[in-house]
């Protein structure tokens, strides 16, 4: 479902601020894979997601989504293939519109606009069912303005909006990092239920090693712009933070430096 081959990205090339963010990254995700991405600050995690999403062009390499060659396509042309949830809960929803209106906007993404507008009874029934999957009580508040929701509720709604049309690829960029631990746990639980129900191919960047180990069927670790660990199957099920740190030190020859990732 996703294939990235020899992806390079350098920011501010030829200047004193030059930063080689991606150094020939190779990554393949099969349909239904749920891959968590961990790494220290500056490892290239968010740069990789932005490269896949088309936020900025890559220097070289190629990216395919569901066998479609998307290298060079801007992000708005990849929108029909990708669903994305960002770190900021305020991003991705319209605060002055109702919950059901936000969902209706997401359901009409990519369609031509006309004079006919409204939410049918069938749509309302569908939204009620999907909101119930989040287990946050939002299915009984469909006419509530989104601006009145908590950060966690808005993030869960953004997740539902991003997956409403079943994207080929779901990108989660530290989507619980701005939430308190209890709320983050609820949003992660909702994430797992949504991903499993629709068997969505998912790439989730997280700053938390425990979450990276707990969720998904594969874990990749990045360091200095490249993937240095790719662990799946039974090996991932047996992982602990201590084992993961040891593997990192073996491969990189250095200690993992992010206390936030280790202690989160």
C-alpha atoms as a PDB file:
ATOM      1  CA  UNK A   1       0.000   0.000   0.000  1.00  0.00           C
ATOM      2  CA  UNK A   2       3.001   2.273   0.545  1.00  0.00           C
ATOM      3  CA  UNK A   3       6.419   2.024  -1.023  1.00  0.00           C
ATOM      4  CA  UNK A   4       9.180   4.558  -0.404  1.00  0.00           C
ATOM      5  CA  UNK A   5      12.496   3.931  -2.133  1.00  0.00           C
ATOM      6  CA  UNK A   6      15.787   5.771  -1.491  1.00  0.00           C
ATOM      7  CA  UNK A   7      14.041   8.924  -0.252  1.00  0.00           C
ATOM      8  CA  UNK A   8      16.394  11.850   0.417  1.00  0.00           C
ATOM      9  CA  UNK A   9      15.501  15.258   1.816  1.00  0.00           C
ATOM     10  CA  UNK A  10      17.874  18.072   2.791  1.00  0.00           C
ATOM     11  CA  UNK A  11      16.748  21.400   4.188  1.00  0.00           C
ATOM     12  CA  UNK A  12      18.677  24.626   3.450  1.00  0.00           C
ATOM     13  CA  UNK A  13      21.276  22.866   1.249  1.00  0.00           C
ATOM     14  CA  UNK A  14      24.577  24.651   0.795  1.00  0.00           C
ATOM     15  CA  UNK A  15      24.042  26.933   3.798  1.00  0.00           C
ATOM     16  CA  UNK A  16      25.308  26.961   7.358  1.00  0.00           C
ATOM     17  CA  UNK A  17      21.874  25.616   8.389  1.00  0.00           C
ATOM     18  CA  UNK A  18      21.998  22.600   6.072  1.00  0.00           C
ATOM     19  CA  UNK A  19      20.162  19.627   7.570  1.00  0.00           C
ATOM     20  CA  UNK A  20      20.065  16.191   5.946  1.00  0.00           C
ATOM     21  CA  UNK A  21      16.691  15.061   7.272  1.00  0.00           C
ATOM     22  CA  UNK A  22      16.220  11.861   5.240  1.00  0.00           C
ATOM     23  CA  UNK A  23      19.158   9.818   4.016  1.00  0.00           C
ATOM     24  CA  UNK A  24      17.887   7.255   1.533  1.00  0.00           C
ATOM     25  CA  UNK A  25      14.892   5.904   3.449  1.00  0.00           C
ATOM     26  CA  UNK A  26      13.382   2.627   2.193  1.00  0.00           C
ATOM     27  CA  UNK A  27      10.006   1.605   3.590  1.00  0.00           C
ATOM     28  CA  UNK A  28       7.229  -0.743   2.426  1.00  0.00           C
ATOM     29  CA  UNK A  29       3.824  -1.148   4.074  1.00  0.00           C
ATOM     30  CA  UNK A  30       1.500  -3.961   3.071  1.00  0.00           C
ATOM     31  CA  UNK A  31      -2.257  -3.476   3.114  1.00  0.00           C
ATOM     32  CA  UNK A  32      -3.535  -3.496   6.698  1.00  0.00           C
ATOM     33  CA  UNK A  33      -0.131  -2.840   8.300  1.00  0.00           C
ATOM     34  CA  UNK A  34      -0.227  -0.648  11.417  1.00  0.00           C
ATOM     35  CA  UNK A  35       3.324   0.653  11.792  1.00  0.00           C
ATOM     36  CA  UNK A  36       4.489   2.799  14.697  1.00  0.00           C
ATOM     37  CA  UNK A  37       7.476   5.126  14.233  1.00  0.00           C
ATOM     38  CA  UNK A  38       9.758   6.067  17.124  1.00  0.00           C
ATOM     39  CA  UNK A  39      12.966   8.070  17.339  1.00  0.00           C
ATOM     40  CA  UNK A  40      14.641  10.982  19.095  1.00  0.00           C
ATOM     41  CA  UNK A  41      14.328  14.635  18.171  1.00  0.00           C
ATOM     42  CA  UNK A  42      15.598  15.272  14.648  1.00  0.00           C
ATOM     43  CA  UNK A  43      15.493  11.578  13.727  1.00  0.00           C
ATOM     44  CA  UNK A  44      13.371  12.301  10.647  1.00  0.00           C
ATOM     45  CA  UNK A  45       9.985  10.950  11.802  1.00  0.00           C
ATOM     46  CA  UNK A  46       7.795  13.924  10.901  1.00  0.00           C
ATOM     47  CA  UNK A  47       9.904  14.674   7.827  1.00  0.00           C
ATOM     48  CA  UNK A  48       9.134  11.181   6.547  1.00  0.00           C
ATOM     49  CA  UNK A  49       5.387  11.668   7.071  1.00  0.00           C
ATOM     50  CA  UNK A  50       5.486  15.074   5.383  1.00  0.00           C
ATOM     51  CA  UNK A  51       7.398  13.602   2.441  1.00  0.00           C
ATOM     52  CA  UNK A  52       4.795  10.843   2.050  1.00  0.00           C
ATOM     53  CA  UNK A  53       1.948  13.367   2.369  1.00  0.00           C
ATOM     54  CA  UNK A  54       3.530  15.666  -0.240  1.00  0.00           C
ATOM     55  CA  UNK A  55       3.839  18.674   2.071  1.00  0.00           C
ATOM     56  CA  UNK A  56       7.228  19.337   0.502  1.00  0.00           C
ATOM     57  CA  UNK A  57       9.050  17.744  -2.429  1.00  0.00           C
ATOM     58  CA  UNK A  58      11.779  15.180  -1.858  1.00  0.00           C
ATOM     59  CA  UNK A  59      15.246  15.649  -3.355  1.00  0.00           C
ATOM     60  CA  UNK A  60      15.377  12.165  -4.870  1.00  0.00           C
ATOM     61  CA  UNK A  61      13.798   8.734  -4.611  1.00  0.00           C
ATOM     62  CA  UNK A  62      10.231   7.677  -5.257  1.00  0.00           C
ATOM     63  CA  UNK A  63       7.002   7.198  -3.338  1.00  0.00           C
ATOM     64  CA  UNK A  64       4.074   5.004  -4.393  1.00  0.00           C
ATOM     65  CA  UNK A  65       0.693   4.693  -2.678  1.00  0.00           C
ATOM     66  CA  UNK A  66      -1.416   1.702  -3.735  1.00  0.00           C
ATOM     67  CA  UNK A  67       0.845   1.362  -6.809  1.00  0.00           C
ATOM     68  CA  UNK A  68       0.126   4.979  -7.797  1.00  0.00           C
ATOM     69  CA  UNK A  69       3.336   6.954  -8.437  1.00  0.00           C
ATOM     70  CA  UNK A  70       2.836  10.081  -6.316  1.00  0.00           C
ATOM     71  CA  UNK A  71       6.386  11.431  -6.237  1.00  0.00           C
ATOM     72  CA  UNK A  72       6.163  15.083  -7.208  1.00  0.00           C
ATOM     73  CA  UNK A  73       2.413  15.390  -6.603  1.00  0.00           C
ATOM     74  CA  UNK A  74       1.454  18.203  -4.171  1.00  0.00           C
ATOM     75  CA  UNK A  75      -0.419  17.340  -1.003  1.00  0.00           C
ATOM     76  CA  UNK A  76      -3.845  18.400  -2.292  1.00  0.00           C
ATOM     77  CA  UNK A  77      -3.549  15.938  -5.176  1.00  0.00           C
ATOM     78  CA  UNK A  78      -2.734  13.135  -2.723  1.00  0.00           C
ATOM     79  CA  UNK A  79      -5.735  14.008  -0.531  1.00  0.00           C
ATOM     80  CA  UNK A  80      -7.950  11.313  -2.036  1.00  0.00           C
ATOM     81  CA  UNK A  81      -5.387   8.673  -1.040  1.00  0.00           C
ATOM     82  CA  UNK A  82      -4.330   9.889   2.402  1.00  0.00           C
ATOM     83  CA  UNK A  83      -6.062  10.615   5.702  1.00  0.00           C
ATOM     84  CA  UNK A  84      -4.042  12.560   8.254  1.00  0.00           C
ATOM     85  CA  UNK A  85      -4.315  13.604  11.894  1.00  0.00           C
ATOM     86  CA  UNK A  86      -1.898  16.234  13.206  1.00  0.00           C
ATOM     87  CA  UNK A  87      -0.469  16.905  16.657  1.00  0.00           C
ATOM     88  CA  UNK A  88      -2.557  20.033  17.269  1.00  0.00           C
ATOM     89  CA  UNK A  89      -6.170  19.143  18.260  1.00  0.00           C
ATOM     90  CA  UNK A  90      -7.321  22.497  16.825  1.00  0.00           C
ATOM     91  CA  UNK A  91      -6.224  21.448  13.331  1.00  0.00           C
ATOM     92  CA  UNK A  92      -8.560  19.495  11.090  1.00  0.00           C
ATOM     93  CA  UNK A  93     -11.987  20.605  12.332  1.00  0.00           C
ATOM     94  CA  UNK A  94     -14.183  23.688  11.836  1.00  0.00           C
ATOM     95  CA  UNK A  95     -14.815  25.059  15.332  1.00  0.00           C
ATOM     96  CA  UNK A  96     -17.933  27.085  14.495  1.00  0.00           C
ATOM     97  CA  UNK A  97     -19.698  24.155  12.811  1.00  0.00           C
ATOM     98  CA  UNK A  98     -21.555  21.274  14.436  1.00  0.00           C
ATOM     99  CA  UNK A  99     -20.110  17.772  14.801  1.00  0.00           C
ATOM    100  CA  UNK A 100     -22.426  16.365  12.132  1.00  0.00           C
ATOM    101  CA  UNK A 101     -21.595  19.278   9.789  1.00  0.00           C
ATOM    102  CA  UNK A 102     -17.875  18.566  10.153  1.00  0.00           C
ATOM    103  CA  UNK A 103     -18.489  14.927   9.304  1.00  0.00           C
ATOM    104  CA  UNK A 104     -20.602  15.928   6.305  1.00  0.00           C
ATOM    105  CA  UNK A 105     -17.727  18.087   5.021  1.00  0.00           C
ATOM    106  CA  UNK A 106     -15.347  15.141   5.370  1.00  0.00           C
ATOM    107  CA  UNK A 107     -17.803  12.835   3.585  1.00  0.00           C
ATOM    108  CA  UNK A 108     -17.983  15.247   0.640  1.00  0.00           C
ATOM    109  CA  UNK A 109     -14.251  15.677   0.247  1.00  0.00           C
ATOM    110  CA  UNK A 110     -13.284  15.573  -3.410  1.00  0.00           C
ATOM    111  CA  UNK A 111     -16.868  15.872  -4.646  1.00  0.00           C
ATOM    112  CA  UNK A 112     -18.178  18.714  -6.788  1.00  0.00           C
ATOM    113  CA  UNK A 113     -20.081  21.393  -4.904  1.00  0.00           C
ATOM    114  CA  UNK A 114     -23.666  22.172  -5.914  1.00  0.00           C
ATOM    115  CA  UNK A 115     -26.704  24.038  -4.652  1.00  0.00           C
ATOM    116  CA  UNK A 116     -28.019  21.005  -2.808  1.00  0.00           C
ATOM    117  CA  UNK A 117     -26.798  20.913   0.767  1.00  0.00           C
ATOM    118  CA  UNK A 118     -28.051  19.132   3.817  1.00  0.00           C
ATOM    119  CA  UNK A 119     -27.496  16.046   5.897  1.00  0.00           C
ATOM    120  CA  UNK A 120     -29.859  13.201   5.126  1.00  0.00           C
ATOM    121  CA  UNK A 121     -31.398  10.964   7.830  1.00  0.00           C
ATOM    122  CA  UNK A 122     -29.304   8.091   6.477  1.00  0.00           C
ATOM    123  CA  UNK A 123     -26.124  10.140   6.898  1.00  0.00           C
ATOM    124  CA  UNK A 124     -27.078  11.067  10.450  1.00  0.00           C
ATOM    125  CA  UNK A 125     -27.603   7.393  11.264  1.00  0.00           C
ATOM    126  CA  UNK A 126     -24.193   6.529   9.815  1.00  0.00           C
ATOM    127  CA  UNK A 127     -22.463   9.343  11.740  1.00  0.00           C
ATOM    128  CA  UNK A 128     -24.200   8.264  14.963  1.00  0.00           C
ATOM    129  CA  UNK A 129     -22.871   4.718  14.528  1.00  0.00           C
ATOM    130  CA  UNK A 130     -19.334   5.833  13.704  1.00  0.00           C
ATOM    131  CA  UNK A 131     -19.183   8.322  16.581  1.00  0.00           C
ATOM    132  CA  UNK A 132     -20.269   5.525  18.920  1.00  0.00           C
ATOM    133  CA  UNK A 133     -17.141   3.614  17.944  1.00  0.00           C
ATOM    134  CA  UNK A 134     -15.068   6.347  19.616  1.00  0.00           C
ATOM    135  CA  UNK A 135     -16.733   5.633  22.995  1.00  0.00           C
ATOM    136  CA  UNK A 136     -16.650   9.312  23.976  1.00  0.00           C
ATOM    137  CA  UNK A 137     -20.382  10.040  24.005  1.00  0.00           C
ATOM    138  CA  UNK A 138     -20.186  12.237  20.908  1.00  0.00           C
ATOM    139  CA  UNK A 139     -22.939  10.271  19.159  1.00  0.00           C
ATOM    140  CA  UNK A 140     -25.442  11.985  21.478  1.00  0.00           C
ATOM    141  CA  UNK A 141     -24.023  15.471  20.824  1.00  0.00           C
ATOM    142  CA  UNK A 142     -24.067  15.627  17.020  1.00  0.00           C
ATOM    143  CA  UNK A 143     -25.462  19.176  16.907  1.00  0.00           C
ATOM    144  CA  UNK A 144     -22.853  20.526  19.365  1.00  0.00           C
ATOM    145  CA  UNK A 145     -20.429  23.121  17.995  1.00  0.00           C
ATOM    146  CA  UNK A 146     -16.974  21.548  17.676  1.00  0.00           C
ATOM    147  CA  UNK A 147     -15.389  24.560  19.401  1.00  0.00           C
ATOM    148  CA  UNK A 148     -17.090  23.460  22.634  1.00  0.00           C
ATOM    149  CA  UNK A 149     -15.388  20.064  22.643  1.00  0.00           C
ATOM    150  CA  UNK A 150     -12.268  19.179  24.633  1.00  0.00           C
ATOM    151  CA  UNK A 151      -8.928  18.679  22.880  1.00  0.00           C
ATOM    152  CA  UNK A 152      -9.240  14.904  23.090  1.00  0.00           C
ATOM    153  CA  UNK A 153     -12.783  14.919  21.714  1.00  0.00           C
ATOM    154  CA  UNK A 154     -11.702  17.131  18.810  1.00  0.00           C
ATOM    155  CA  UNK A 155      -8.740  14.878  18.071  1.00  0.00           C
ATOM    156  CA  UNK A 156     -10.975  11.804  18.062  1.00  0.00           C
ATOM    157  CA  UNK A 157     -13.414  13.597  15.739  1.00  0.00           C
ATOM    158  CA  UNK A 158     -10.526  14.556  13.437  1.00  0.00           C
ATOM    159  CA  UNK A 159      -9.519  10.883  13.364  1.00  0.00           C
ATOM    160  CA  UNK A 160     -13.042   9.908  12.326  1.00  0.00           C
ATOM    161  CA  UNK A 161     -13.129  12.635   9.651  1.00  0.00           C
ATOM    162  CA  UNK A 162      -9.764  11.496   8.276  1.00  0.00           C
ATOM    163  CA  UNK A 163     -10.969   7.900   7.939  1.00  0.00           C
ATOM    164  CA  UNK A 164     -14.595   8.481   6.925  1.00  0.00           C
ATOM    165  CA  UNK A 165     -13.869   7.788   3.246  1.00  0.00           C
ATOM    166  CA  UNK A 166     -11.444   4.934   4.036  1.00  0.00           C
ATOM    167  CA  UNK A 167      -8.126   6.340   2.798  1.00  0.00           C
ATOM    168  CA  UNK A 168      -5.490   4.126   1.228  1.00  0.00           C
ATOM    169  CA  UNK A 169      -3.075   5.330   3.921  1.00  0.00           C
ATOM    170  CA  UNK A 170      -3.639   6.894   7.355  1.00  0.00           C
ATOM    171  CA  UNK A 171      -0.881   9.140   8.742  1.00  0.00           C
ATOM    172  CA  UNK A 172      -0.873   9.952  12.463  1.00  0.00           C
ATOM    173  CA  UNK A 173       1.743  12.550  13.378  1.00  0.00           C
ATOM    174  CA  UNK A 174       2.110  12.407  17.182  1.00  0.00           C
ATOM    175  CA  UNK A 175      -1.659  12.886  17.352  1.00  0.00           C
ATOM    176  CA  UNK A 176      -1.805  12.403  21.137  1.00  0.00           C
ATOM    177  CA  UNK A 177       1.313  14.401  22.086  1.00  0.00           C
ATOM    178  CA  UNK A 178      -0.661  17.527  23.069  1.00  0.00           C
ATOM    179  CA  UNK A 179      -3.123  15.604  25.257  1.00  0.00           C
ATOM    180  CA  UNK A 180      -2.923  14.669  28.926  1.00  0.00           C
ATOM    181  CA  UNK A 181      -2.095  10.978  29.567  1.00  0.00           C
ATOM    182  CA  UNK A 182      -5.665   9.898  30.397  1.00  0.00           C
ATOM    183  CA  UNK A 183      -7.132  11.588  27.326  1.00  0.00           C
ATOM    184  CA  UNK A 184      -4.291  10.324  25.132  1.00  0.00           C
ATOM    185  CA  UNK A 185      -5.106   6.770  26.243  1.00  0.00           C
ATOM    186  CA  UNK A 186      -8.743   7.223  25.178  1.00  0.00           C
ATOM    187  CA  UNK A 187      -7.767   8.636  21.762  1.00  0.00           C
ATOM    188  CA  UNK A 188      -5.283   5.810  21.190  1.00  0.00           C
ATOM    189  CA  UNK A 189      -7.964   3.279  22.082  1.00  0.00           C
ATOM    190  CA  UNK A 190     -10.328   4.921  19.607  1.00  0.00           C
ATOM    191  CA  UNK A 191      -7.558   4.915  17.022  1.00  0.00           C
ATOM    192  CA  UNK A 192      -7.028   1.184  17.388  1.00  0.00           C
ATOM    193  CA  UNK A 193     -10.746   0.449  17.079  1.00  0.00           C
ATOM    194  CA  UNK A 194     -11.123   2.575  13.929  1.00  0.00           C
ATOM    195  CA  UNK A 195      -7.975   1.130  12.322  1.00  0.00           C
ATOM    196  CA  UNK A 196      -8.935  -2.469  13.105  1.00  0.00           C
ATOM    197  CA  UNK A 197     -12.573  -2.091  12.004  1.00  0.00           C
ATOM    198  CA  UNK A 198     -11.658  -0.833   8.516  1.00  0.00           C
ATOM    199  CA  UNK A 199      -8.274  -2.591   8.377  1.00  0.00           C
ATOM    200  CA  UNK A 200      -6.592   0.696   7.528  1.00  0.00           C
ATOM    201  CA  UNK A 201      -2.956   0.816   6.484  1.00  0.00           C
ATOM    202  CA  UNK A 202      -1.509   3.162   9.105  1.00  0.00           C
ATOM    203  CA  UNK A 203       1.763   4.928   9.880  1.00  0.00           C
ATOM    204  CA  UNK A 204       1.780   6.410  13.393  1.00  0.00           C
ATOM    205  CA  UNK A 205       4.608   8.613  14.658  1.00  0.00           C
ATOM    206  CA  UNK A 206       4.792   8.693  18.439  1.00  0.00           C
ATOM    207  CA  UNK A 207       7.142  10.176  21.019  1.00  0.00           C
ATOM    208  CA  UNK A 208       6.271   7.416  23.479  1.00  0.00           C
ATOM    209  CA  UNK A 209       8.149   4.091  23.357  1.00  0.00           C
ATOM    210  CA  UNK A 210       5.496   2.271  25.363  1.00  0.00           C
ATOM    211  CA  UNK A 211       2.797   3.314  22.897  1.00  0.00           C
ATOM    212  CA  UNK A 212       5.026   2.357  19.956  1.00  0.00           C
ATOM    213  CA  UNK A 213       5.424  -1.121  21.452  1.00  0.00           C
ATOM    214  CA  UNK A 214       1.791  -1.539  22.497  1.00  0.00           C
ATOM    215  CA  UNK A 215       0.079  -0.540  19.248  1.00  0.00           C
ATOM    216  CA  UNK A 216       0.422  -1.855  15.718  1.00  0.00           C
ATOM    217  CA  UNK A 217       1.937  -4.968  14.174  1.00  0.00           C
ATOM    218  CA  UNK A 218       5.288  -3.370  13.255  1.00  0.00           C
ATOM    219  CA  UNK A 219       7.639  -0.875  14.853  1.00  0.00           C
ATOM    220  CA  UNK A 220      10.330   1.107  13.083  1.00  0.00           C
ATOM    221  CA  UNK A 221      12.925   3.268  14.772  1.00  0.00           C
ATOM    222  CA  UNK A 222      14.591   6.183  13.009  1.00  0.00           C
ATOM    223  CA  UNK A 223      17.895   7.847  13.790  1.00  0.00           C
ATOM    224  CA  UNK A 224      19.655  10.655  11.933  1.00  0.00           C
ATOM    225  CA  UNK A 225      17.401  10.438   8.904  1.00  0.00           C
ATOM    226  CA  UNK A 226      17.277   6.702   8.347  1.00  0.00           C
ATOM    227  CA  UNK A 227      15.423   3.599   9.565  1.00  0.00           C
ATOM    228  CA  UNK A 228      17.732   1.604  11.807  1.00  0.00           C
ATOM    229  CA  UNK A 229      15.257  -0.911  13.260  1.00  0.00           C
ATOM    230  CA  UNK A 230      12.208  -2.631  11.751  1.00  0.00           C
ATOM    231  CA  UNK A 231      10.555  -5.090  14.135  1.00  0.00           C
ATOM    232  CA  UNK A 232       7.332  -7.023  13.594  1.00  0.00           C
ATOM    233  CA  UNK A 233       5.480 -10.231  14.326  1.00  0.00           C
ATOM    234  CA  UNK A 234       6.341 -12.265  17.411  1.00  0.00           C
ATOM    235  CA  UNK A 235       9.509 -10.263  18.014  1.00  0.00           C
ATOM    236  CA  UNK A 236       7.465  -7.079  18.457  1.00  0.00           C
ATOM    237  CA  UNK A 237       5.037  -8.787  20.822  1.00  0.00           C
ATOM    238  CA  UNK A 238       7.948  -9.639  23.135  1.00  0.00           C
ATOM    239  CA  UNK A 239       9.443  -6.145  23.068  1.00  0.00           C
ATOM    240  CA  UNK A 240      10.001  -4.080  26.196  1.00  0.00           C
ATOM    241  CA  UNK A 241      11.411  -0.574  26.480  1.00  0.00           C
ATOM    242  CA  UNK A 242      14.636  -2.025  27.857  1.00  0.00           C
ATOM    243  CA  UNK A 243      15.033  -4.490  24.957  1.00  0.00           C
ATOM    244  CA  UNK A 244      14.263  -1.750  22.435  1.00  0.00           C
ATOM    245  CA  UNK A 245      16.868   0.559  23.969  1.00  0.00           C
ATOM    246  CA  UNK A 246      19.423  -2.240  23.858  1.00  0.00           C
ATOM    247  CA  UNK A 247      18.672  -2.898  20.189  1.00  0.00           C
ATOM    248  CA  UNK A 248      19.038   0.811  19.434  1.00  0.00           C
ATOM    249  CA  UNK A 249      22.442   0.928  21.091  1.00  0.00           C
ATOM    250  CA  UNK A 250      23.568  -2.185  19.201  1.00  0.00           C
ATOM    251  CA  UNK A 251      22.575  -0.776  15.810  1.00  0.00           C
ATOM    252  CA  UNK A 252      23.516   2.884  16.290  1.00  0.00           C
ATOM    253  CA  UNK A 253      26.481   2.570  18.611  1.00  0.00           C
ATOM    254  CA  UNK A 254      25.089   5.278  20.879  1.00  0.00           C
ATOM    255  CA  UNK A 255      22.578   5.731  23.686  1.00  0.00           C
ATOM    256  CA  UNK A 256      19.020   6.806  23.009  1.00  0.00           C
ATOM    257  CA  UNK A 257      18.844  10.406  24.150  1.00  0.00           C
ATOM    258  CA  UNK A 258      15.121  11.196  24.425  1.00  0.00           C
ATOM    259  CA  UNK A 259      13.934  10.992  28.043  1.00  0.00           C
ATOM    260  CA  UNK A 260      10.435  11.956  26.859  1.00  0.00           C
ATOM    261  CA  UNK A 261      10.250   8.872  24.661  1.00  0.00           C
ATOM    262  CA  UNK A 262      11.595   6.543  27.355  1.00  0.00           C
ATOM    263  CA  UNK A 263       9.599   7.869  30.311  1.00  0.00           C
ATOM    264  CA  UNK A 264       6.369   8.902  28.548  1.00  0.00           C
END
